[in-house]
Protein backbone atom coordinates (compact mmCIF):
# COMPACT_ATOMS: atom_id res chain seq x y z
CA UNK A 1 -9.34 -1.88 -27.50
CA UNK A 2 -7.27 1.14 -28.44
CA UNK A 3 -3.69 1.40 -27.26
CA UNK A 4 -2.35 4.17 -25.11
CA UNK A 5 -3.81 3.69 -21.64
CA UNK A 6 -2.52 6.18 -19.09
CA UNK A 7 -1.87 3.94 -16.08
CA UNK A 8 -0.81 5.12 -12.63
CA UNK A 9 0.30 2.97 -9.72
CA UNK A 10 0.70 4.36 -6.21
CA UNK A 11 3.51 2.92 -4.13
CA UNK A 12 4.91 3.66 -0.70
CA UNK A 13 8.16 3.03 1.11
CA UNK A 14 7.50 1.50 4.55
CA UNK A 15 9.69 0.22 7.39
CA UNK A 16 10.92 -3.31 6.74
CA UNK A 17 8.69 -5.62 8.77
CA UNK A 18 11.70 -7.81 9.45
CA UNK A 19 13.68 -5.04 11.14
CA UNK A 20 13.25 -3.41 14.52
CA UNK A 21 12.15 0.20 14.29
CA UNK A 22 12.02 2.40 17.36
CA UNK A 23 9.67 5.27 18.15
CA UNK A 24 10.30 8.99 18.22
CA UNK A 25 9.34 10.97 21.37
CA UNK A 26 6.08 12.01 19.66
CA UNK A 27 5.10 8.38 19.15
CA UNK A 28 5.79 8.22 15.41
CA UNK A 29 7.99 5.56 13.84
CA UNK A 30 11.69 6.42 13.71
CA UNK A 31 11.94 5.90 9.96
CA UNK A 32 15.53 7.13 9.84
CA UNK A 33 16.73 4.10 11.79
CA UNK A 34 14.39 1.52 10.26
CA UNK A 35 15.30 -0.46 7.18
CA UNK A 36 13.08 0.37 4.23
CA UNK A 37 11.11 -1.65 1.70
CA UNK A 38 8.36 -1.40 -0.89
CA UNK A 39 5.00 -1.82 0.81
CA UNK A 40 4.12 -5.52 0.29
CA UNK A 41 0.52 -4.72 -0.70
CA UNK A 42 1.76 -2.34 -3.39
CA UNK A 43 3.58 -5.19 -5.10
CA UNK A 44 0.21 -6.57 -6.19
CA UNK A 45 -0.90 -3.16 -7.46
CA UNK A 46 2.34 -2.86 -9.41
CA UNK A 47 1.78 -6.26 -11.00
CA UNK A 48 -1.77 -5.24 -11.98
CA UNK A 49 -0.53 -2.01 -13.58
CA UNK A 50 2.18 -3.81 -15.55
CA UNK A 51 -0.30 -6.48 -16.66
CA UNK A 52 -2.66 -3.78 -17.95
CA UNK A 53 0.19 -2.18 -19.89
CA UNK A 54 1.41 -5.42 -21.46
CA UNK A 55 -2.07 -6.66 -22.30
CA UNK A 56 -3.83 -3.50 -23.47
CA UNK A 57 -0.99 -1.12 -24.26
CA UNK A 58 -0.06 2.16 -22.67
CA UNK A 59 2.31 3.72 -20.18
CA UNK A 60 2.77 3.06 -16.46
CA UNK A 61 3.72 5.89 -14.12
CA UNK A 62 4.60 5.15 -10.50
CA UNK A 63 3.82 7.78 -7.86
CA UNK A 64 5.10 7.90 -4.31
CA UNK A 65 4.95 10.37 -1.45
CA UNK A 66 7.73 10.37 1.12
CA UNK A 67 11.21 11.56 2.07
CA UNK A 68 14.05 11.56 -0.50
CA UNK A 69 15.13 7.93 0.25
CA UNK A 70 11.77 6.80 -1.18
CA UNK A 71 13.44 7.11 -4.58
CA UNK A 72 14.76 3.61 -3.84
CA UNK A 73 11.38 1.99 -4.37
CA UNK A 74 10.75 4.04 -7.50
CA UNK A 75 13.97 2.67 -8.95
CA UNK A 76 12.67 -0.77 -8.06
CA UNK A 77 9.47 -0.12 -10.00
CA UNK A 78 11.56 0.92 -13.02
CA UNK A 79 13.39 -2.39 -12.79
CA UNK A 80 10.05 -4.17 -13.05
CA UNK A 81 9.00 -2.25 -16.15
CA UNK A 82 7.47 1.07 -15.06
CA UNK A 83 8.10 3.84 -17.63
CA UNK A 84 8.58 6.83 -15.35
CA UNK A 85 7.98 7.89 -11.76
CA UNK A 86 7.16 10.89 -9.57
CA UNK A 87 8.26 11.43 -5.98
CA UNK A 88 6.33 13.99 -3.95
CA UNK A 89 8.76 14.95 -1.21
CA UNK A 90 8.30 17.90 1.11
CA UNK A 91 9.04 18.42 4.80
CA UNK A 92 5.59 19.96 5.17
CA UNK A 93 4.07 16.54 4.44
CA UNK A 94 5.42 15.05 7.68
CA UNK A 95 2.82 13.38 9.91
CA UNK A 96 0.13 13.34 7.20
CA UNK A 97 -2.86 11.18 8.01
CA UNK A 98 -4.97 9.50 5.32
CA UNK A 99 -6.98 12.65 4.59
CA UNK A 100 -3.91 14.81 4.08
CA UNK A 101 -2.17 12.06 2.09
CA UNK A 102 -5.13 11.64 -0.25
CA UNK A 103 -5.25 15.40 -0.78
CA UNK A 104 -1.56 15.61 -1.63
CA UNK A 105 -1.75 12.67 -4.05
CA UNK A 106 -4.86 14.19 -5.62
CA UNK A 107 -2.86 17.32 -6.40
CA UNK A 108 -0.06 15.20 -7.88
CA UNK A 109 -2.47 13.39 -10.21
CA UNK A 110 -3.98 16.69 -11.32
CA UNK A 111 -0.48 17.96 -12.01
CA UNK A 112 0.65 14.93 -14.03
CA UNK A 113 -2.42 14.43 -16.19
CA UNK A 114 -5.67 12.54 -16.65
CA UNK A 115 -5.50 8.82 -15.84
CA UNK A 116 -7.34 5.90 -17.39
CA UNK A 117 -6.52 3.44 -14.62
CA UNK A 118 -5.14 4.01 -11.13
CA UNK A 119 -3.93 1.04 -9.11
CA UNK A 120 -3.35 1.19 -5.35
CA UNK A 121 -2.31 -1.42 -2.84
CA UNK A 122 -5.09 -2.54 -0.55
CA UNK A 123 -3.38 -0.94 2.47
CA UNK A 124 0.06 -0.29 3.94
CA UNK A 125 1.88 -2.25 6.60
CA UNK A 126 2.67 0.91 8.58
CA UNK A 127 -0.92 2.19 8.65
CA UNK A 128 -3.31 -0.65 7.80
CA UNK A 129 -6.19 1.78 7.22
CA UNK A 130 -7.08 0.93 3.58
CA UNK A 131 -8.44 4.48 3.30
CA UNK A 132 -6.13 6.40 0.98
CA UNK A 133 -7.24 4.71 -2.24
CA UNK A 134 -10.98 5.26 -1.67
CA UNK A 135 -10.41 8.83 -0.44
CA UNK A 136 -8.34 9.59 -3.52
CA UNK A 137 -11.05 8.23 -5.83
CA UNK A 138 -13.59 10.42 -4.04
CA UNK A 139 -11.47 13.54 -4.49
CA UNK A 140 -10.93 12.75 -8.18
CA UNK A 141 -14.63 12.03 -8.69
CA UNK A 142 -13.83 8.58 -10.08
CA UNK A 143 -15.62 5.26 -9.64
CA UNK A 144 -13.64 2.75 -7.60
CA UNK A 145 -13.34 -1.01 -7.28
CA UNK A 146 -11.89 -2.05 -3.94
CA UNK A 147 -10.50 -5.45 -2.93
CA UNK A 148 -10.00 -6.32 -6.61
CA UNK A 149 -8.41 -9.73 -7.09
CA UNK A 150 -8.70 -10.04 -10.88
CA UNK A 151 -9.77 -7.98 -13.89
CA UNK A 152 -9.81 -7.75 -17.66
CA UNK A 153 -10.85 -5.09 -20.15
CA UNK A 154 -13.42 -5.46 -22.88
CA UNK A 155 -14.94 -2.75 -25.10
CA UNK A 156 -13.26 -0.06 -23.04
CA UNK A 157 -14.76 -1.29 -19.78
CA UNK A 158 -13.12 -2.99 -16.81
CA UNK A 159 -14.61 -6.30 -15.74
CA UNK A 160 -13.39 -6.92 -12.20
CA UNK A 161 -13.82 -9.51 -9.51
CA UNK A 162 -13.69 -8.15 -5.99
CA UNK A 163 -13.64 -9.89 -2.63
CA UNK A 164 -16.70 -9.54 -0.42
CA UNK A 165 -17.67 -11.26 2.79
CA UNK A 166 -18.54 -14.86 2.02
CA UNK A 167 -17.37 -14.86 -1.59
CA UNK A 168 -16.78 -12.48 -4.48
CA UNK A 169 -18.63 -9.95 -6.62
CA UNK A 170 -18.29 -9.29 -10.34
CA UNK A 171 -18.56 -5.65 -11.41
CA UNK A 172 -18.25 -3.75 -14.69
CA UNK A 173 -16.97 -0.18 -14.59
CA UNK A 174 -16.16 2.58 -17.05
CA UNK A 175 -12.75 4.23 -17.18
CA UNK A 176 -11.22 6.34 -15.75
CA UNK A 177 -11.27 4.08 -12.71
CA UNK A 178 -9.38 3.52 -9.47
CA UNK A 179 -8.79 -0.03 -8.20
CA UNK A 180 -7.33 -1.17 -4.89
CA UNK A 181 -5.72 -4.55 -5.46
CA UNK A 182 -6.06 -7.38 -2.96
CA UNK A 183 -3.15 -9.62 -2.04
CA UNK A 184 -4.98 -12.55 -3.65
CA UNK A 185 -4.07 -11.03 -7.04
CA UNK A 186 -1.13 -12.43 -9.00
CA UNK A 187 2.22 -11.91 -7.23
CA UNK A 188 4.74 -9.48 -8.66
CA UNK A 189 6.92 -11.06 -11.34
CA UNK A 190 10.70 -10.99 -11.19
CA UNK A 191 12.57 -7.93 -12.37
CA UNK A 192 13.60 -8.03 -15.99
CA UNK A 193 17.25 -8.06 -17.02
CA UNK A 194 16.58 -5.05 -19.26
CA UNK A 195 14.96 -3.16 -16.39
CA UNK A 196 17.77 -3.94 -13.96
CA UNK A 197 20.40 -2.87 -16.49
CA UNK A 198 18.49 0.33 -17.21
CA UNK A 199 18.37 1.28 -13.52
CA UNK A 200 22.04 0.44 -13.06
CA UNK A 201 22.84 2.83 -15.90
CA UNK A 202 20.60 5.55 -14.43
CA UNK A 203 22.27 5.20 -11.03
CA UNK A 204 25.54 6.28 -12.65
CA UNK A 205 24.03 9.34 -14.31
CA UNK A 206 21.96 11.59 -12.06
CA UNK A 207 20.98 13.92 -14.90
CA UNK A 208 19.65 10.99 -16.92
CA UNK A 209 17.80 9.69 -13.86
CA UNK A 210 15.94 12.99 -13.56
CA UNK A 211 14.34 12.28 -16.94
CA UNK A 212 12.61 9.20 -15.50
CA UNK A 213 12.18 10.03 -11.79
CA UNK A 214 10.75 13.49 -11.20
CA UNK A 215 11.09 15.01 -7.73
CA UNK A 216 8.30 17.47 -6.94
CA UNK A 217 7.00 19.30 -3.88
CA UNK A 218 3.78 20.92 -2.68
CA UNK A 219 4.52 24.18 -4.46
CA UNK A 220 5.09 22.46 -7.80
CA UNK A 221 1.74 20.65 -7.70
CA UNK A 222 -0.10 23.69 -6.36
CA UNK A 223 -1.12 22.14 -3.04
CA UNK A 224 -2.19 24.18 -0.03
CA UNK A 225 0.32 23.46 2.79
CA UNK A 226 -2.45 24.05 5.32
CA UNK A 227 -4.25 20.96 3.99
CA UNK A 228 -1.16 18.73 4.04
CA UNK A 229 1.05 17.29 6.73
CA UNK A 230 0.19 17.70 10.39
CA UNK A 231 -1.78 20.89 9.75
CA UNK A 232 -4.14 19.13 7.37
CA UNK A 233 -4.52 15.99 9.47
CA UNK A 234 -7.58 15.91 11.74
CA UNK A 235 -6.59 12.50 13.10
CA UNK A 236 -5.37 12.71 16.70
CA UNK A 237 -3.23 9.96 18.20
CA UNK A 238 -4.00 9.95 21.92
CA UNK A 239 -1.00 7.82 22.84
CA UNK A 240 1.26 5.08 21.57
CA UNK A 241 2.64 2.14 23.43
CA UNK A 242 5.50 -0.20 22.63
CA UNK A 243 4.42 -3.76 23.24
CA UNK A 244 7.25 -6.04 24.29
CA UNK A 245 7.68 -9.64 23.32
CA UNK A 246 5.14 -11.91 24.91
CA UNK A 247 6.52 -14.57 27.22
CA UNK A 248 4.94 -17.74 28.55
CA UNK A 249 5.14 -21.43 27.92
CA UNK A 250 3.34 -23.96 25.78
CA UNK A 251 2.25 -27.48 26.71
CA UNK A 252 1.30 -30.04 24.08
CA UNK A 253 -1.51 -32.52 24.80
CA UNK A 254 -1.92 -35.48 22.46
CA UNK A 255 -2.72 -39.15 22.29
CA UNK A 256 -6.01 -38.98 24.20
CA UNK A 257 -9.68 -38.65 23.35
CA UNK A 258 -11.11 -35.20 22.67
CA UNK A 259 -12.98 -35.27 26.01
CA UNK A 260 -9.78 -36.01 27.94
CA UNK A 261 -7.78 -33.40 26.02
CA UNK A 262 -10.33 -30.68 26.80
CA UNK A 263 -10.27 -31.71 30.46
CA UNK A 264 -6.49 -31.45 30.56
CA UNK A 265 -6.56 -27.97 29.00
CA UNK A 266 -9.16 -26.77 31.48
CA UNK A 267 -7.18 -28.12 34.41
CA UNK A 268 -4.07 -26.31 33.20
CA UNK A 269 -5.77 -22.94 32.76
CA UNK A 270 -7.50 -20.29 34.84
CA UNK A 271 -10.60 -20.98 32.75
CA UNK A 272 -11.19 -24.09 34.85
CA UNK A 273 -11.41 -22.00 38.01
CA UNK A 274 -13.86 -19.64 36.34
CA UNK A 275 -16.08 -22.50 35.30
CA UNK A 276 -16.00 -24.05 38.75
CA UNK A 277 -16.83 -20.73 40.34
CA UNK A 278 -19.77 -20.04 38.04
CA UNK A 279 -21.25 -23.53 38.40
CA UNK A 280 -21.27 -23.28 42.20
CA UNK A 281 -23.36 -20.11 42.18
């Protein structure tokens, strides 16, 4: 195995699932008020990218698309051992659906350079579509391995194990290759002391930070604004609804036979009335 793999990992800043985020009048998440975090699924992709670097040699570049505060998660990736990062930030990207997002990221990858391996999280907690990774692979014309939970490289090929219904599947693929990493992969390791110290130093020197985190926009990567953001998003959200906390009560039944327990549950529910009504017909 020759050294020098060009490894990309795609990460996204999402609203913290532990915080309460409101909605804008148009139904989108009010991201300005929500606390922010690295997408939990991307943590597994980041671990996979760093494992590939440490095991087979090369360089890891993190890529994110989002508003300027998304630089926070790119700094976090540097703390874990990423070599450099790119942030695609442009107001014209607002309200991008998966199609527009995949297009914009495709232009970023073309701008940066040819990859050997691209790692993506399985999905995001704010979208849950699991579509961006596969769409990106299609645009790049690359083979893809989705739901990957383990892999190794041998003779320049990737040997991967991916989750399928009822079990798993082993596949062998040539590089360049895109993989979406399942959350059954190894969890992200702790930040290194060297990485944390490096980021702390960069935070004090903005000019030095620009050498490792590159801020780019649609014009820089040569993207068509008509194919990005709301204009390039064919997805239509008919309406959104805020679901309040569910109320109700819970009754515990124990210490009886299974037949008696089922009878008690039926007596305490509307299901009992439905059963009685259907049996009398």
